[in-house]
Amino acid sequence: MQKIDYAEILYKIYGSPKEIRKEFIKEALDWEYYPVYKNNSIAALFMTKGSEIHCGCFPEYKGRWFPMKRYQRIIKDIFLKYGKVTTTTFEESREFVERLGFKETFKKSEVIHFIKTEV
């Protein structure tokens, strides 16, 4: 698959009617994608850009898609290159991010910023 295909999948996971699809896709092309497959189809994506990582899954896979070993390999590569791993999220995902070992650094509006300094 090409980046545009992953960007389209990401839009299906995160996109909302409020967002302008073309702008969303354009911004999504700057990221690297790591698909997670279940039953021969993409259930979720890990996305990275620089020291930042995010993940998203289709609603039907929520709570049962996360491959911990793969996640650990991805963050180890980020950490070795940048010395840290960062992410952002909203309040409803805070507990998930904290379980992965991230520590809150600051909150701006509704977006919570996190950092992980060891793997």
N, C-alpha and C. Protein backbone atom coordinates (compact mmCIF):
# COMPACT_ATOMS: atom_id res chain seq x y z
N MET A 1 0.84 -1.19 0.00
CA MET A 1 0.00 0.00 0.00
C MET A 1 0.87 1.25 0.00
N GLN A 2 0.34 2.31 -0.52
CA GLN A 2 1.04 3.58 -0.55
C GLN A 2 0.52 4.48 0.57
N LYS A 3 1.28 5.55 0.85
CA LYS A 3 0.88 6.47 1.93
C LYS A 3 -0.53 7.01 1.74
N ILE A 4 -0.90 7.29 0.51
CA ILE A 4 -2.24 7.83 0.27
C ILE A 4 -3.31 6.84 0.73
N ASP A 5 -3.05 5.54 0.55
CA ASP A 5 -4.01 4.52 0.99
C ASP A 5 -4.14 4.52 2.51
N TYR A 6 -3.00 4.64 3.20
CA TYR A 6 -3.04 4.70 4.66
C TYR A 6 -3.71 5.98 5.14
N ALA A 7 -3.46 7.09 4.45
CA ALA A 7 -4.09 8.35 4.81
C ALA A 7 -5.61 8.25 4.67
N GLU A 8 -6.08 7.56 3.65
CA GLU A 8 -7.52 7.35 3.46
C GLU A 8 -8.09 6.50 4.60
N ILE A 9 -7.36 5.47 5.00
CA ILE A 9 -7.80 4.63 6.11
C ILE A 9 -7.84 5.46 7.40
N LEU A 10 -6.81 6.27 7.61
CA LEU A 10 -6.78 7.13 8.79
C LEU A 10 -7.97 8.08 8.81
N TYR A 11 -8.33 8.59 7.66
CA TYR A 11 -9.49 9.48 7.58
C TYR A 11 -10.76 8.73 7.99
N LYS A 12 -10.86 7.48 7.57
CA LYS A 12 -12.03 6.67 7.96
C LYS A 12 -12.06 6.44 9.47
N ILE A 13 -10.88 6.31 10.08
CA ILE A 13 -10.81 6.10 11.52
C ILE A 13 -11.11 7.40 12.27
N TYR A 14 -10.47 8.51 11.87
CA TYR A 14 -10.56 9.76 12.61
C TYR A 14 -11.41 10.85 11.97
N GLY A 15 -11.61 10.78 10.68
CA GLY A 15 -12.28 11.86 9.98
C GLY A 15 -13.66 12.15 10.52
N SER A 16 -14.06 13.39 10.45
CA SER A 16 -15.39 13.77 10.89
C SER A 16 -15.94 14.76 9.87
N PRO A 17 -17.24 14.94 9.86
CA PRO A 17 -17.83 15.89 8.89
C PRO A 17 -17.31 17.32 9.05
N LYS A 18 -16.78 17.65 10.24
CA LYS A 18 -16.28 19.00 10.47
C LYS A 18 -14.96 19.25 9.75
N GLU A 19 -14.24 18.18 9.46
CA GLU A 19 -12.93 18.35 8.86
C GLU A 19 -13.03 18.36 7.34
N ILE A 20 -12.19 19.13 6.74
CA ILE A 20 -12.12 19.15 5.29
C ILE A 20 -11.20 18.01 4.87
N ARG A 21 -11.79 17.05 4.17
CA ARG A 21 -11.10 15.81 3.82
C ARG A 21 -9.76 16.06 3.12
N LYS A 22 -9.74 16.96 2.16
CA LYS A 22 -8.52 17.22 1.38
C LYS A 22 -7.38 17.68 2.29
N GLU A 23 -7.66 18.56 3.23
CA GLU A 23 -6.63 19.05 4.16
C GLU A 23 -6.16 17.94 5.09
N PHE A 24 -7.11 17.14 5.57
CA PHE A 24 -6.78 16.01 6.45
C PHE A 24 -5.82 15.06 5.73
N ILE A 25 -6.16 14.68 4.52
CA ILE A 25 -5.33 13.74 3.74
C ILE A 25 -3.95 14.35 3.48
N LYS A 26 -3.91 15.62 3.13
CA LYS A 26 -2.62 16.28 2.86
C LYS A 26 -1.70 16.22 4.07
N GLU A 27 -2.24 16.54 5.25
CA GLU A 27 -1.44 16.49 6.47
C GLU A 27 -1.04 15.06 6.82
N ALA A 28 -1.92 14.12 6.55
CA ALA A 28 -1.66 12.71 6.88
C ALA A 28 -0.55 12.11 6.03
N LEU A 29 -0.25 12.69 4.90
CA LEU A 29 0.80 12.16 4.03
C LEU A 29 2.20 12.37 4.58
N ASP A 30 2.35 13.22 5.60
CA ASP A 30 3.66 13.49 6.21
C ASP A 30 4.08 12.42 7.22
N TRP A 31 3.22 11.48 7.52
CA TRP A 31 3.46 10.47 8.55
C TRP A 31 3.91 9.15 7.95
N GLU A 32 4.57 8.33 8.78
CA GLU A 32 4.90 6.96 8.43
C GLU A 32 3.84 6.06 9.05
N TYR A 33 3.44 5.03 8.35
CA TYR A 33 2.34 4.17 8.81
C TYR A 33 2.78 2.73 9.02
N TYR A 34 2.22 2.13 10.06
CA TYR A 34 2.46 0.73 10.40
C TYR A 34 1.09 0.09 10.63
N PRO A 35 0.58 -0.61 9.63
CA PRO A 35 -0.76 -1.18 9.78
C PRO A 35 -0.78 -2.39 10.70
N VAL A 36 -1.92 -2.58 11.35
CA VAL A 36 -2.16 -3.75 12.21
C VAL A 36 -3.33 -4.50 11.57
N TYR A 37 -3.07 -5.76 11.23
CA TYR A 37 -4.08 -6.57 10.55
C TYR A 37 -4.78 -7.52 11.51
N LYS A 38 -6.07 -7.68 11.31
CA LYS A 38 -6.89 -8.69 11.98
C LYS A 38 -7.79 -9.28 10.91
N ASN A 39 -7.84 -10.59 10.85
CA ASN A 39 -8.70 -11.26 9.86
C ASN A 39 -8.44 -10.75 8.44
N ASN A 40 -7.17 -10.58 8.09
CA ASN A 40 -6.74 -10.18 6.74
C ASN A 40 -7.18 -8.78 6.32
N SER A 41 -7.55 -7.92 7.26
CA SER A 41 -7.85 -6.54 6.92
C SER A 41 -7.25 -5.62 7.98
N ILE A 42 -7.08 -4.37 7.62
CA ILE A 42 -6.48 -3.42 8.55
C ILE A 42 -7.48 -3.08 9.65
N ALA A 43 -7.05 -3.33 10.88
CA ALA A 43 -7.87 -3.04 12.06
C ALA A 43 -7.46 -1.72 12.69
N ALA A 44 -6.17 -1.37 12.54
CA ALA A 44 -5.63 -0.19 13.21
C ALA A 44 -4.36 0.27 12.50
N LEU A 45 -3.91 1.45 12.88
CA LEU A 45 -2.66 2.00 12.36
C LEU A 45 -1.85 2.61 13.50
N PHE A 46 -0.54 2.39 13.45
CA PHE A 46 0.40 3.20 14.21
C PHE A 46 0.90 4.24 13.21
N MET A 47 1.07 5.49 13.66
CA MET A 47 1.59 6.55 12.82
C MET A 47 2.73 7.24 13.55
N THR A 48 3.81 7.52 12.83
CA THR A 48 4.94 8.21 13.45
C THR A 48 5.41 9.36 12.55
N LYS A 49 5.90 10.40 13.20
CA LYS A 49 6.55 11.52 12.51
C LYS A 49 7.53 12.12 13.50
N GLY A 50 8.80 12.02 13.20
CA GLY A 50 9.81 12.48 14.14
C GLY A 50 9.71 11.67 15.42
N SER A 51 9.66 12.35 16.55
CA SER A 51 9.58 11.65 17.84
C SER A 51 8.14 11.33 18.24
N GLU A 52 7.19 11.69 17.41
CA GLU A 52 5.78 11.55 17.77
C GLU A 52 5.18 10.24 17.27
N ILE A 53 4.34 9.64 18.09
CA ILE A 53 3.62 8.42 17.72
C ILE A 53 2.15 8.58 18.07
N HIS A 54 1.32 7.99 17.23
CA HIS A 54 -0.11 7.93 17.49
C HIS A 54 -0.61 6.58 17.02
N CYS A 55 -1.77 6.22 17.49
CA CYS A 55 -2.40 5.00 16.98
C CYS A 55 -3.90 5.22 16.95
N GLY A 56 -4.52 4.51 16.06
CA GLY A 56 -5.97 4.59 15.95
C GLY A 56 -6.50 3.29 15.40
N CYS A 57 -7.70 2.95 15.82
CA CYS A 57 -8.30 1.71 15.34
C CYS A 57 -9.75 1.95 14.96
N PHE A 58 -10.25 1.04 14.15
CA PHE A 58 -11.66 1.08 13.83
C PHE A 58 -12.45 0.71 15.07
N PRO A 59 -13.63 1.29 15.26
CA PRO A 59 -14.41 1.06 16.49
C PRO A 59 -14.65 -0.41 16.82
N GLU A 60 -14.84 -1.23 15.82
CA GLU A 60 -15.13 -2.64 16.10
C GLU A 60 -13.95 -3.41 16.69
N TYR A 61 -12.75 -2.82 16.65
CA TYR A 61 -11.56 -3.47 17.22
C TYR A 61 -11.11 -2.84 18.53
N LYS A 62 -11.81 -1.82 18.98
CA LYS A 62 -11.41 -1.13 20.21
C LYS A 62 -11.25 -2.12 21.37
N GLY A 63 -10.09 -2.04 22.02
CA GLY A 63 -9.82 -2.89 23.17
C GLY A 63 -9.29 -4.27 22.84
N ARG A 64 -9.12 -4.59 21.55
CA ARG A 64 -8.65 -5.94 21.22
C ARG A 64 -7.77 -5.98 19.97
N TRP A 65 -7.00 -4.95 19.75
CA TRP A 65 -6.18 -4.92 18.56
C TRP A 65 -4.70 -4.67 18.85
N PHE A 66 -4.34 -4.21 20.01
CA PHE A 66 -3.02 -3.63 20.28
C PHE A 66 -1.90 -4.68 20.37
N PRO A 67 -0.96 -4.67 19.40
CA PRO A 67 0.17 -5.60 19.44
C PRO A 67 1.35 -5.00 20.22
N MET A 68 1.48 -5.36 21.49
CA MET A 68 2.48 -4.75 22.37
C MET A 68 3.90 -4.91 21.86
N LYS A 69 4.28 -6.08 21.37
CA LYS A 69 5.67 -6.27 20.90
C LYS A 69 5.98 -5.36 19.71
N ARG A 70 5.04 -5.22 18.82
CA ARG A 70 5.26 -4.34 17.67
C ARG A 70 5.37 -2.89 18.12
N TYR A 71 4.50 -2.48 19.02
CA TYR A 71 4.54 -1.13 19.58
C TYR A 71 5.91 -0.88 20.21
N GLN A 72 6.40 -1.83 20.99
CA GLN A 72 7.69 -1.67 21.66
C GLN A 72 8.83 -1.53 20.66
N ARG A 73 8.78 -2.26 19.56
CA ARG A 73 9.81 -2.11 18.52
C ARG A 73 9.77 -0.72 17.90
N ILE A 74 8.57 -0.23 17.63
CA ILE A 74 8.42 1.09 17.01
C ILE A 74 8.94 2.18 17.95
N ILE A 75 8.54 2.14 19.22
CA ILE A 75 8.99 3.21 20.12
C ILE A 75 10.49 3.10 20.42
N LYS A 76 11.02 1.89 20.41
CA LYS A 76 12.46 1.74 20.62
C LYS A 76 13.22 2.41 19.47
N ASP A 77 12.76 2.22 18.24
CA ASP A 77 13.40 2.87 17.10
C ASP A 77 13.32 4.39 17.21
N ILE A 78 12.16 4.90 17.61
CA ILE A 78 12.00 6.35 17.79
C ILE A 78 12.94 6.85 18.88
N PHE A 79 12.96 6.14 20.00
CA PHE A 79 13.80 6.55 21.13
C PHE A 79 15.28 6.57 20.75
N LEU A 80 15.74 5.55 20.05
CA LEU A 80 17.15 5.50 19.64
C LEU A 80 17.50 6.66 18.71
N LYS A 81 16.57 7.10 17.90
CA LYS A 81 16.83 8.18 16.96
C LYS A 81 16.69 9.57 17.60
N TYR A 82 15.68 9.74 18.49
CA TYR A 82 15.36 11.07 19.01
C TYR A 82 15.59 11.24 20.52
N GLY A 83 15.81 10.15 21.23
CA GLY A 83 16.03 10.23 22.68
C GLY A 83 14.77 10.39 23.50
N LYS A 84 13.63 10.38 22.84
CA LYS A 84 12.33 10.51 23.51
C LYS A 84 11.24 10.08 22.54
N VAL A 85 10.07 9.82 23.10
CA VAL A 85 8.89 9.52 22.29
C VAL A 85 7.79 10.43 22.81
N THR A 86 7.08 11.09 21.92
CA THR A 86 6.02 12.01 22.33
C THR A 86 4.69 11.60 21.69
N THR A 87 3.62 12.06 22.30
CA THR A 87 2.29 11.86 21.74
C THR A 87 1.36 12.90 22.32
N THR A 88 0.21 13.02 21.73
CA THR A 88 -0.85 13.89 22.24
C THR A 88 -2.16 13.10 22.21
N THR A 89 -3.07 13.50 23.07
CA THR A 89 -4.37 12.83 23.08
C THR A 89 -5.38 13.72 23.78
N PHE A 90 -6.60 13.22 23.84
CA PHE A 90 -7.68 13.89 24.57
C PHE A 90 -7.94 13.13 25.86
N GLU A 91 -8.74 13.72 26.73
CA GLU A 91 -9.00 13.15 28.05
C GLU A 91 -9.49 11.70 27.99
N GLU A 92 -10.31 11.37 27.02
CA GLU A 92 -10.87 10.02 26.96
C GLU A 92 -9.83 8.94 26.68
N SER A 93 -8.65 9.33 26.19
CA SER A 93 -7.58 8.35 25.93
C SER A 93 -6.42 8.46 26.90
N ARG A 94 -6.52 9.35 27.86
CA ARG A 94 -5.43 9.59 28.82
C ARG A 94 -4.97 8.29 29.51
N GLU A 95 -5.89 7.52 30.03
CA GLU A 95 -5.54 6.31 30.78
C GLU A 95 -4.76 5.33 29.90
N PHE A 96 -5.18 5.16 28.67
CA PHE A 96 -4.49 4.28 27.72
C PHE A 96 -3.04 4.73 27.53
N VAL A 97 -2.84 6.00 27.29
CA VAL A 97 -1.50 6.55 27.05
C VAL A 97 -0.64 6.42 28.31
N GLU A 98 -1.20 6.67 29.46
CA GLU A 98 -0.44 6.54 30.71
C GLU A 98 -0.08 5.09 30.99
N ARG A 99 -0.94 4.14 30.65
CA ARG A 99 -0.61 2.72 30.82
C ARG A 99 0.59 2.31 29.97
N LEU A 100 0.82 3.03 28.88
CA LEU A 100 1.97 2.75 28.02
C LEU A 100 3.25 3.41 28.53
N GLY A 101 3.17 4.10 29.66
CA GLY A 101 4.36 4.68 30.28
C GLY A 101 4.63 6.12 29.95
N PHE A 102 3.72 6.79 29.27
CA PHE A 102 3.90 8.20 28.94
C PHE A 102 3.53 9.06 30.15
N LYS A 103 4.23 10.17 30.28
CA LYS A 103 3.98 11.14 31.36
C LYS A 103 3.49 12.46 30.75
N GLU A 104 2.49 13.03 31.37
CA GLU A 104 1.95 14.29 30.87
C GLU A 104 2.97 15.40 31.03
N THR A 105 3.12 16.22 29.99
CA THR A 105 4.02 17.37 30.06
C THR A 105 3.24 18.68 30.17
N PHE A 106 2.16 18.80 29.41
CA PHE A 106 1.30 19.97 29.53
C PHE A 106 0.00 19.73 28.79
N LYS A 107 -0.95 20.62 29.05
CA LYS A 107 -2.26 20.53 28.40
C LYS A 107 -2.55 21.88 27.76
N LYS A 108 -2.93 21.86 26.51
CA LYS A 108 -3.27 23.08 25.78
C LYS A 108 -4.67 22.90 25.20
N SER A 109 -5.57 23.72 25.65
CA SER A 109 -6.99 23.55 25.32
C SER A 109 -7.40 22.16 25.78
N GLU A 110 -7.89 21.33 24.89
CA GLU A 110 -8.30 19.98 25.27
C GLU A 110 -7.26 18.93 24.94
N VAL A 111 -6.15 19.35 24.35
CA VAL A 111 -5.11 18.41 23.92
C VAL A 111 -4.07 18.24 25.03
N ILE A 112 -3.84 16.98 25.41
CA ILE A 112 -2.86 16.67 26.45
C ILE A 112 -1.59 16.16 25.77
N HIS A 113 -0.45 16.75 26.13
CA HIS A 113 0.84 16.38 25.55
C HIS A 113 1.58 15.45 26.52
N PHE A 114 2.21 14.41 25.97
CA PHE A 114 2.90 13.40 26.77
C PHE A 114 4.30 13.16 26.22
N ILE A 115 5.16 12.63 27.11
CA ILE A 115 6.51 12.25 26.72
C ILE A 115 6.87 10.94 27.39
N LYS A 116 7.72 10.19 26.72
CA LYS A 116 8.27 8.95 27.29
C LYS A 116 9.78 9.06 27.09
N THR A 117 10.53 8.97 28.17
CA THR A 117 11.97 9.19 28.09
C THR A 117 12.78 7.93 28.33
N GLU A 118 12.12 6.79 28.50
CA GLU A 118 12.81 5.51 28.62
C GLU A 118 11.97 4.43 27.93
N VAL A 119 12.67 3.43 27.43
CA VAL A 119 11.94 2.30 26.82
C VAL A 119 12.35 1.02 27.49
